[in-house]
Amino acid sequence: MDSHQYDRAEQVLQRITDRIWVYHVYHVVEIDHEGYEPRIDRDRSWHDIRAWLESRSGVEWLLTRRDWPQFFQRHLVMMSLSL
């Protein structure tokens, strides 16, 4: 994941949502491999993915990764406390 390139939690969550959406629609894992940048349609399915990421199960899934930048780790803790 390229989360180290961002400095705001909102940017990281948007990028995660984009990548999951691309995998769901195009069945590819790397959206920028060899310059491939698919058009991301922020349709209902994109918003459903984003809503899931902000739910208890989505936050738990995000917390399974240990290599998030520190600012995003703090954001995830705050998200989990607010659920």
PDB file of N, CA and C in Angstrom:
ATOM      1  N   MET A   1       0.851  -1.193   0.000  1.00  0.00           N
ATOM      2  CA  MET A   1       0.000   0.000   0.000  1.00  0.00           C
ATOM      3  C   MET A   1       0.880   1.234   0.000  1.00  0.00           C
ATOM      4  N   ASP A   2       0.429   2.260  -0.620  1.00  0.00           N
ATOM      5  CA  ASP A   2       1.206   3.484  -0.764  1.00  0.00           C
ATOM      6  C   ASP A   2       0.798   4.553   0.250  1.00  0.00           C
ATOM      7  N   SER A   3       0.324   4.151   1.415  1.00  0.00           N
ATOM      8  CA  SER A   3      -0.189   5.095   2.409  1.00  0.00           C
ATOM      9  C   SER A   3       0.875   6.070   2.909  1.00  0.00           C
ATOM     10  N   HIS A   4       2.151   5.696   2.792  1.00  0.00           N
ATOM     11  CA  HIS A   4       3.227   6.580   3.235  1.00  0.00           C
ATOM     12  C   HIS A   4       3.307   7.858   2.399  1.00  0.00           C
ATOM     13  N   GLN A   5       2.643   7.881   1.250  1.00  0.00           N
ATOM     14  CA  GLN A   5       2.673   9.060   0.375  1.00  0.00           C
ATOM     15  C   GLN A   5       1.716  10.155   0.821  1.00  0.00           C
ATOM     16  N   TYR A   6       0.863   9.863   1.782  1.00  0.00           N
ATOM     17  CA  TYR A   6      -0.189  10.796   2.180  1.00  0.00           C
ATOM     18  C   TYR A   6       0.047  11.297   3.598  1.00  0.00           C
ATOM     19  N   ASP A   7      -0.558  12.428   3.920  1.00  0.00           N
ATOM     20  CA  ASP A   7      -0.381  12.977   5.270  1.00  0.00           C
ATOM     21  C   ASP A   7      -1.698  13.218   5.997  1.00  0.00           C
ATOM     22  N   ARG A   8      -2.804  12.790   5.380  1.00  0.00           N
ATOM     23  CA  ARG A   8      -4.116  12.919   6.029  1.00  0.00           C
ATOM     24  C   ARG A   8      -4.849  11.588   5.964  1.00  0.00           C
ATOM     25  N   ALA A   9      -5.533  11.248   7.038  1.00  0.00           N
ATOM     26  CA  ALA A   9      -6.258   9.983   7.102  1.00  0.00           C
ATOM     27  C   ALA A   9      -7.317   9.893   6.005  1.00  0.00           C
ATOM     28  N   GLU A  10      -7.959  10.995   5.696  1.00  0.00           N
ATOM     29  CA  GLU A  10      -8.988  11.009   4.648  1.00  0.00           C
ATOM     30  C   GLU A  10      -8.406  10.566   3.309  1.00  0.00           C
ATOM     31  N   GLN A  11      -7.193  11.008   3.002  1.00  0.00           N
ATOM     32  CA  GLN A  11      -6.541  10.624   1.752  1.00  0.00           C
ATOM     33  C   GLN A  11      -6.258   9.122   1.730  1.00  0.00           C
ATOM     34  N   VAL A  12      -5.810   8.581   2.855  1.00  0.00           N
ATOM     35  CA  VAL A  12      -5.509   7.157   2.928  1.00  0.00           C
ATOM     36  C   VAL A  12      -6.787   6.342   2.752  1.00  0.00           C
ATOM     37  N   LEU A  13      -7.860   6.728   3.450  1.00  0.00           N
ATOM     38  CA  LEU A  13      -9.122   6.011   3.321  1.00  0.00           C
ATOM     39  C   LEU A  13      -9.664   6.070   1.887  1.00  0.00           C
ATOM     40  N   GLN A  14      -9.514   7.204   1.243  1.00  0.00           N
ATOM     41  CA  GLN A  14      -9.965   7.319  -0.145  1.00  0.00           C
ATOM     42  C   GLN A  14      -9.160   6.395  -1.043  1.00  0.00           C
ATOM     43  N   ARG A  15      -7.856   6.344  -0.841  1.00  0.00           N
ATOM     44  CA  ARG A  15      -7.001   5.485  -1.664  1.00  0.00           C
ATOM     45  C   ARG A  15      -7.320   4.006  -1.430  1.00  0.00           C
ATOM     46  N   ILE A  16      -7.562   3.623  -0.182  1.00  0.00           N
ATOM     47  CA  ILE A  16      -7.929   2.244   0.124  1.00  0.00           C
ATOM     48  C   ILE A  16      -9.247   1.900  -0.564  1.00  0.00           C
ATOM     49  N   THR A  17     -10.213   2.799  -0.452  1.00  0.00           N
ATOM     50  CA  THR A  17     -11.514   2.581  -1.092  1.00  0.00           C
ATOM     51  C   THR A  17     -11.347   2.442  -2.600  1.00  0.00           C
ATOM     52  N   ASP A  18     -10.541   3.320  -3.201  1.00  0.00           N
ATOM     53  CA  ASP A  18     -10.284   3.247  -4.643  1.00  0.00           C
ATOM     54  C   ASP A  18      -9.708   1.886  -5.021  1.00  0.00           C
ATOM     55  N   ARG A  19      -8.734   1.425  -4.252  1.00  0.00           N
ATOM     56  CA  ARG A  19      -8.061   0.168  -4.587  1.00  0.00           C
ATOM     57  C   ARG A  19      -8.994  -1.023  -4.438  1.00  0.00           C
ATOM     58  N   ILE A  20      -9.820  -1.037  -3.412  1.00  0.00           N
ATOM     59  CA  ILE A  20     -10.786  -2.129  -3.252  1.00  0.00           C
ATOM     60  C   ILE A  20     -11.801  -2.095  -4.382  1.00  0.00           C
ATOM     61  N   TRP A  21     -12.262  -0.901  -4.740  1.00  0.00           N
ATOM     62  CA  TRP A  21     -13.235  -0.758  -5.831  1.00  0.00           C
ATOM     63  C   TRP A  21     -12.644  -1.273  -7.141  1.00  0.00           C
ATOM     64  N   VAL A  22     -11.400  -0.894  -7.430  1.00  0.00           N
ATOM     65  CA  VAL A  22     -10.749  -1.338  -8.661  1.00  0.00           C
ATOM     66  C   VAL A  22     -10.620  -2.856  -8.672  1.00  0.00           C
ATOM     67  N   TYR A  23     -10.245  -3.443  -7.547  1.00  0.00           N
ATOM     68  CA  TYR A  23     -10.149  -4.897  -7.484  1.00  0.00           C
ATOM     69  C   TYR A  23     -11.524  -5.534  -7.744  1.00  0.00           C
ATOM     70  N   HIS A  24     -12.543  -4.969  -7.129  1.00  0.00           N
ATOM     71  CA  HIS A  24     -13.899  -5.480  -7.281  1.00  0.00           C
ATOM     72  C   HIS A  24     -14.390  -5.377  -8.731  1.00  0.00           C
ATOM     73  N   VAL A  25     -14.089  -4.283  -9.389  1.00  0.00           N
ATOM     74  CA  VAL A  25     -14.604  -4.042 -10.744  1.00  0.00           C
ATOM     75  C   VAL A  25     -13.701  -4.649 -11.820  1.00  0.00           C
ATOM     76  N   TYR A  26     -12.396  -4.427 -11.705  1.00  0.00           N
ATOM     77  CA  TYR A  26     -11.470  -4.843 -12.760  1.00  0.00           C
ATOM     78  C   TYR A  26     -10.700  -6.121 -12.449  1.00  0.00           C
ATOM     79  N   HIS A  27     -10.782  -6.605 -11.214  1.00  0.00           N
ATOM     80  CA  HIS A  27     -10.101  -7.826 -10.786  1.00  0.00           C
ATOM     81  C   HIS A  27      -8.585  -7.733 -10.947  1.00  0.00           C
ATOM     82  N   VAL A  28      -8.053  -6.571 -10.657  1.00  0.00           N
ATOM     83  CA  VAL A  28      -6.604  -6.382 -10.631  1.00  0.00           C
ATOM     84  C   VAL A  28      -6.230  -5.852  -9.255  1.00  0.00           C
ATOM     85  N   VAL A  29      -5.042  -6.223  -8.797  1.00  0.00           N
ATOM     86  CA  VAL A  29      -4.614  -5.817  -7.461  1.00  0.00           C
ATOM     87  C   VAL A  29      -3.875  -4.492  -7.498  1.00  0.00           C
ATOM     88  N   GLU A  30      -2.928  -4.354  -8.397  1.00  0.00           N
ATOM     89  CA  GLU A  30      -2.126  -3.139  -8.476  1.00  0.00           C
ATOM     90  C   GLU A  30      -2.729  -2.178  -9.482  1.00  0.00           C
ATOM     91  N   ILE A  31      -3.224  -1.041  -8.995  1.00  0.00           N
ATOM     92  CA  ILE A  31      -3.851  -0.122  -9.947  1.00  0.00           C
ATOM     93  C   ILE A  31      -2.847   0.791 -10.633  1.00  0.00           C
ATOM     94  N   ASP A  32      -1.623   0.843 -10.143  1.00  0.00           N
ATOM     95  CA  ASP A  32      -0.654   1.702 -10.820  1.00  0.00           C
ATOM     96  C   ASP A  32       0.572   0.911 -11.272  1.00  0.00           C
ATOM     97  N   HIS A  33       0.414  -0.373 -11.468  1.00  0.00           N
ATOM     98  CA  HIS A  33       1.480  -1.217 -11.990  1.00  0.00           C
ATOM     99  C   HIS A  33       1.691  -0.893 -13.471  1.00  0.00           C
ATOM    100  N   GLU A  34       2.908  -0.590 -13.815  1.00  0.00           N
ATOM    101  CA  GLU A  34       3.269  -0.250 -15.199  1.00  0.00           C
ATOM    102  C   GLU A  34       2.430   0.886 -15.753  1.00  0.00           C
ATOM    103  N   GLY A  35       2.107   1.839 -14.908  1.00  0.00           N
ATOM    104  CA  GLY A  35       1.397   3.022 -15.361  1.00  0.00           C
ATOM    105  C   GLY A  35      -0.097   2.856 -15.545  1.00  0.00           C
ATOM    106  N   TYR A  36      -0.653   1.705 -15.174  1.00  0.00           N
ATOM    107  CA  TYR A  36      -2.085   1.467 -15.328  1.00  0.00           C
ATOM    108  C   TYR A  36      -2.858   2.268 -14.294  1.00  0.00           C
ATOM    109  N   GLU A  37      -3.678   3.180 -14.736  1.00  0.00           N
ATOM    110  CA  GLU A  37      -4.529   4.000 -13.846  1.00  0.00           C
ATOM    111  C   GLU A  37      -5.959   3.929 -14.349  1.00  0.00           C
ATOM    112  N   PRO A  38      -6.753   3.005 -13.830  1.00  0.00           N
ATOM    113  CA  PRO A  38      -8.137   2.901 -14.301  1.00  0.00           C
ATOM    114  C   PRO A  38      -8.972   4.090 -13.855  1.00  0.00           C
ATOM    115  N   ARG A  39     -10.018   4.353 -14.586  1.00  0.00           N
ATOM    116  CA  ARG A  39     -10.962   5.407 -14.204  1.00  0.00           C
ATOM    117  C   ARG A  39     -11.772   4.900 -13.030  1.00  0.00           C
ATOM    118  N   ILE A  40     -11.756   5.631 -11.950  1.00  0.00           N
ATOM    119  CA  ILE A  40     -12.477   5.226 -10.755  1.00  0.00           C
ATOM    120  C   ILE A  40     -13.803   5.964 -10.725  1.00  0.00           C
ATOM    121  N   ASP A  41     -14.860   5.197 -10.741  1.00  0.00           N
ATOM    122  CA  ASP A  41     -16.215   5.732 -10.726  1.00  0.00           C
ATOM    123  C   ASP A  41     -16.734   5.671  -9.297  1.00  0.00           C
ATOM    124  N   ARG A  42     -16.859   6.814  -8.677  1.00  0.00           N
ATOM    125  CA  ARG A  42     -17.303   6.834  -7.284  1.00  0.00           C
ATOM    126  C   ARG A  42     -18.829   6.704  -7.232  1.00  0.00           C
ATOM    127  N   ASP A  43     -19.264   5.530  -7.659  1.00  0.00           N
ATOM    128  CA  ASP A  43     -20.685   5.216  -7.722  1.00  0.00           C
ATOM    129  C   ASP A  43     -21.162   4.642  -6.385  1.00  0.00           C
ATOM    130  N   ARG A  44     -22.350   4.062  -6.430  1.00  0.00           N
ATOM    131  CA  ARG A  44     -22.922   3.501  -5.201  1.00  0.00           C
ATOM    132  C   ARG A  44     -22.023   2.424  -4.601  1.00  0.00           C
ATOM    133  N   SER A  45     -21.447   1.555  -5.442  1.00  0.00           N
ATOM    134  CA  SER A  45     -20.598   0.485  -4.903  1.00  0.00           C
ATOM    135  C   SER A  45     -19.358   1.057  -4.217  1.00  0.00           C
ATOM    136  N   TRP A  46     -18.797   2.143  -4.748  1.00  0.00           N
ATOM    137  CA  TRP A  46     -17.651   2.792  -4.119  1.00  0.00           C
ATOM    138  C   TRP A  46     -18.061   3.311  -2.734  1.00  0.00           C
ATOM    139  N   HIS A  47     -19.220   3.947  -2.668  1.00  0.00           N
ATOM    140  CA  HIS A  47     -19.704   4.482  -1.392  1.00  0.00           C
ATOM    141  C   HIS A  47     -20.055   3.366  -0.414  1.00  0.00           C
ATOM    142  N   ASP A  48     -20.523   2.226  -0.920  1.00  0.00           N
ATOM    143  CA  ASP A  48     -20.781   1.073  -0.053  1.00  0.00           C
ATOM    144  C   ASP A  48     -19.484   0.550   0.554  1.00  0.00           C
ATOM    145  N   ILE A  49     -18.432   0.499  -0.260  1.00  0.00           N
ATOM    146  CA  ILE A  49     -17.121   0.062   0.242  1.00  0.00           C
ATOM    147  C   ILE A  49     -16.635   1.021   1.321  1.00  0.00           C
ATOM    148  N   ARG A  50     -16.762   2.315   1.050  1.00  0.00           N
ATOM    149  CA  ARG A  50     -16.317   3.323   2.018  1.00  0.00           C
ATOM    150  C   ARG A  50     -17.101   3.210   3.322  1.00  0.00           C
ATOM    151  N   ALA A  51     -18.409   3.001   3.232  1.00  0.00           N
ATOM    152  CA  ALA A  51     -19.226   2.833   4.432  1.00  0.00           C
ATOM    153  C   ALA A  51     -18.784   1.598   5.205  1.00  0.00           C
ATOM    154  N   TRP A  52     -18.452   0.526   4.500  1.00  0.00           N
ATOM    155  CA  TRP A  52     -17.978  -0.680   5.176  1.00  0.00           C
ATOM    156  C   TRP A  52     -16.649  -0.419   5.885  1.00  0.00           C
ATOM    157  N   LEU A  53     -15.737   0.310   5.241  1.00  0.00           N
ATOM    158  CA  LEU A  53     -14.452   0.617   5.869  1.00  0.00           C
ATOM    159  C   LEU A  53     -14.631   1.408   7.162  1.00  0.00           C
ATOM    160  N   GLU A  54     -15.709   2.169   7.253  1.00  0.00           N
ATOM    161  CA  GLU A  54     -15.954   2.966   8.450  1.00  0.00           C
ATOM    162  C   GLU A  54     -16.826   2.236   9.471  1.00  0.00           C
ATOM    163  N   SER A  55     -17.233   0.998   9.149  1.00  0.00           N
ATOM    164  CA  SER A  55     -18.025   0.195  10.084  1.00  0.00           C
ATOM    165  C   SER A  55     -17.085  -0.581  11.010  1.00  0.00           C
ATOM    166  N   ARG A  56     -17.660  -1.230  12.006  1.00  0.00           N
ATOM    167  CA  ARG A  56     -16.846  -2.007  12.957  1.00  0.00           C
ATOM    168  C   ARG A  56     -16.015  -3.076  12.238  1.00  0.00           C
ATOM    169  N   SER A  57     -16.628  -3.825  11.343  1.00  0.00           N
ATOM    170  CA  SER A  57     -15.879  -4.890  10.664  1.00  0.00           C
ATOM    171  C   SER A  57     -14.798  -4.317   9.745  1.00  0.00           C
ATOM    172  N   GLY A  58     -15.086  -3.193   9.100  1.00  0.00           N
ATOM    173  CA  GLY A  58     -14.081  -2.555   8.253  1.00  0.00           C
ATOM    174  C   GLY A  58     -12.898  -2.039   9.047  1.00  0.00           C
ATOM    175  N   VAL A  59     -13.174  -1.402  10.184  1.00  0.00           N
ATOM    176  CA  VAL A  59     -12.087  -0.897  11.036  1.00  0.00           C
ATOM    177  C   VAL A  59     -11.271  -2.068  11.576  1.00  0.00           C
ATOM    178  N   GLU A  60     -11.945  -3.148  11.969  1.00  0.00           N
ATOM    179  CA  GLU A  60     -11.212  -4.332  12.444  1.00  0.00           C
ATOM    180  C   GLU A  60     -10.308  -4.872  11.346  1.00  0.00           C
ATOM    181  N   TRP A  61     -10.815  -4.904  10.112  1.00  0.00           N
ATOM    182  CA  TRP A  61     -10.001  -5.369   9.000  1.00  0.00           C
ATOM    183  C   TRP A  61      -8.791  -4.453   8.788  1.00  0.00           C
ATOM    184  N   LEU A  62      -9.013  -3.149   8.838  1.00  0.00           N
ATOM    185  CA  LEU A  62      -7.905  -2.204   8.669  1.00  0.00           C
ATOM    186  C   LEU A  62      -6.864  -2.357   9.781  1.00  0.00           C
ATOM    187  N   LEU A  63      -7.317  -2.675  10.983  1.00  0.00           N
ATOM    188  CA  LEU A  63      -6.400  -2.824  12.115  1.00  0.00           C
ATOM    189  C   LEU A  63      -5.550  -4.092  12.025  1.00  0.00           C
ATOM    190  N   THR A  64      -5.882  -5.004  11.122  1.00  0.00           N
ATOM    191  CA  THR A  64      -5.072  -6.218  10.993  1.00  0.00           C
ATOM    192  C   THR A  64      -3.711  -5.919  10.385  1.00  0.00           C
ATOM    193  N   ARG A  65      -3.595  -4.815   9.680  1.00  0.00           N
ATOM    194  CA  ARG A  65      -2.298  -4.392   9.130  1.00  0.00           C
ATOM    195  C   ARG A  65      -1.534  -3.623  10.166  1.00  0.00           C
ATOM    196  N   ARG A  66      -0.276  -3.862  10.261  1.00  0.00           N
ATOM    197  CA  ARG A  66       0.548  -3.213  11.285  1.00  0.00           C
ATOM    198  C   ARG A  66       1.492  -2.150  10.732  1.00  0.00           C
ATOM    199  N   ASP A  67       1.516  -1.965   9.427  1.00  0.00           N
ATOM    200  CA  ASP A  67       2.514  -1.055   8.850  1.00  0.00           C
ATOM    201  C   ASP A  67       1.925   0.265   8.363  1.00  0.00           C
ATOM    202  N   TRP A  68       0.786   0.683   8.935  1.00  0.00           N
ATOM    203  CA  TRP A  68       0.216   1.987   8.583  1.00  0.00           C
ATOM    204  C   TRP A  68       1.095   3.092   9.148  1.00  0.00           C
ATOM    205  N   PRO A  69       1.107   4.252   8.506  1.00  0.00           N
ATOM    206  CA  PRO A  69       1.800   5.399   9.098  1.00  0.00           C
ATOM    207  C   PRO A  69       1.177   5.726  10.462  1.00  0.00           C
ATOM    208  N   GLN A  70       1.961   6.301  11.328  1.00  0.00           N
ATOM    209  CA  GLN A  70       1.507   6.561  12.697  1.00  0.00           C
ATOM    210  C   GLN A  70       0.243   7.423  12.758  1.00  0.00           C
ATOM    211  N   PHE A  71       0.149   8.450  11.915  1.00  0.00           N
ATOM    212  CA  PHE A  71      -1.045   9.301  11.943  1.00  0.00           C
ATOM    213  C   PHE A  71      -2.296   8.502  11.589  1.00  0.00           C
ATOM    214  N   PHE A  72      -2.148   7.517  10.680  1.00  0.00           N
ATOM    215  CA  PHE A  72      -3.310   6.717  10.300  1.00  0.00           C
ATOM    216  C   PHE A  72      -3.635   5.694  11.387  1.00  0.00           C
ATOM    217  N   GLN A  73      -2.638   5.178  12.064  1.00  0.00           N
ATOM    218  CA  GLN A  73      -2.885   4.282  13.199  1.00  0.00           C
ATOM    219  C   GLN A  73      -3.696   5.010  14.268  1.00  0.00           C
ATOM    220  N   ARG A  74      -3.331   6.247  14.554  1.00  0.00           N
ATOM    221  CA  ARG A  74      -4.082   7.038  15.539  1.00  0.00           C
ATOM    222  C   ARG A  74      -5.521   7.248  15.073  1.00  0.00           C
ATOM    223  N   HIS A  75      -5.690   7.525  13.793  1.00  0.00           N
ATOM    224  CA  HIS A  75      -7.033   7.714  13.236  1.00  0.00           C
ATOM    225  C   HIS A  75      -7.865   6.438  13.399  1.00  0.00           C
ATOM    226  N   LEU A  76      -7.267   5.293  13.128  1.00  0.00           N
ATOM    227  CA  LEU A  76      -7.980   4.020  13.274  1.00  0.00           C
ATOM    228  C   LEU A  76      -8.386   3.784  14.728  1.00  0.00           C
ATOM    229  N   VAL A  77      -7.518   4.128  15.661  1.00  0.00           N
ATOM    230  CA  VAL A  77      -7.864   3.981  17.086  1.00  0.00           C
ATOM    231  C   VAL A  77      -9.056   4.863  17.412  1.00  0.00           C
ATOM    232  N   MET A  78      -9.047   6.099  16.921  1.00  0.00           N
ATOM    233  CA  MET A  78     -10.171   7.004  17.168  1.00  0.00           C
ATOM    234  C   MET A  78     -11.447   6.478  16.518  1.00  0.00           C
ATOM    235  N   MET A  79     -11.330   5.920  15.327  1.00  0.00           N
ATOM    236  CA  MET A  79     -12.495   5.349  14.665  1.00  0.00           C
ATOM    237  C   MET A  79     -13.062   4.196  15.482  1.00  0.00           C
ATOM    238  N   SER A  80     -12.166   3.327  15.985  1.00  0.00           N
ATOM    239  CA  SER A  80     -12.637   2.164  16.754  1.00  0.00           C
ATOM    240  C   SER A  80     -13.269   2.594  18.062  1.00  0.00           C
ATOM    241  N   LEU A  81     -12.770   3.648  18.679  1.00  0.00           N
ATOM    242  CA  LEU A  81     -13.345   4.130  19.927  1.00  0.00           C
ATOM    243  C   LEU A  81     -14.715   4.764  19.712  1.00  0.00           C
ATOM    244  N   SER A  82     -14.933   5.302  18.516  1.00  0.00           N
ATOM    245  CA  SER A  82     -16.218   5.970  18.262  1.00  0.00           C
ATOM    246  C   SER A  82     -17.319   4.996  17.850  1.00  0.00           C
ATOM    247  N   LEU A  83     -16.954   3.746  17.599  1.00  0.00           N
ATOM    248  CA  LEU A  83     -17.968   2.751  17.187  1.00  0.00           C
ATOM    249  C   LEU A  83     -18.709   2.189  18.380  1.00  0.00           C
TER     250      LEU A  83
END
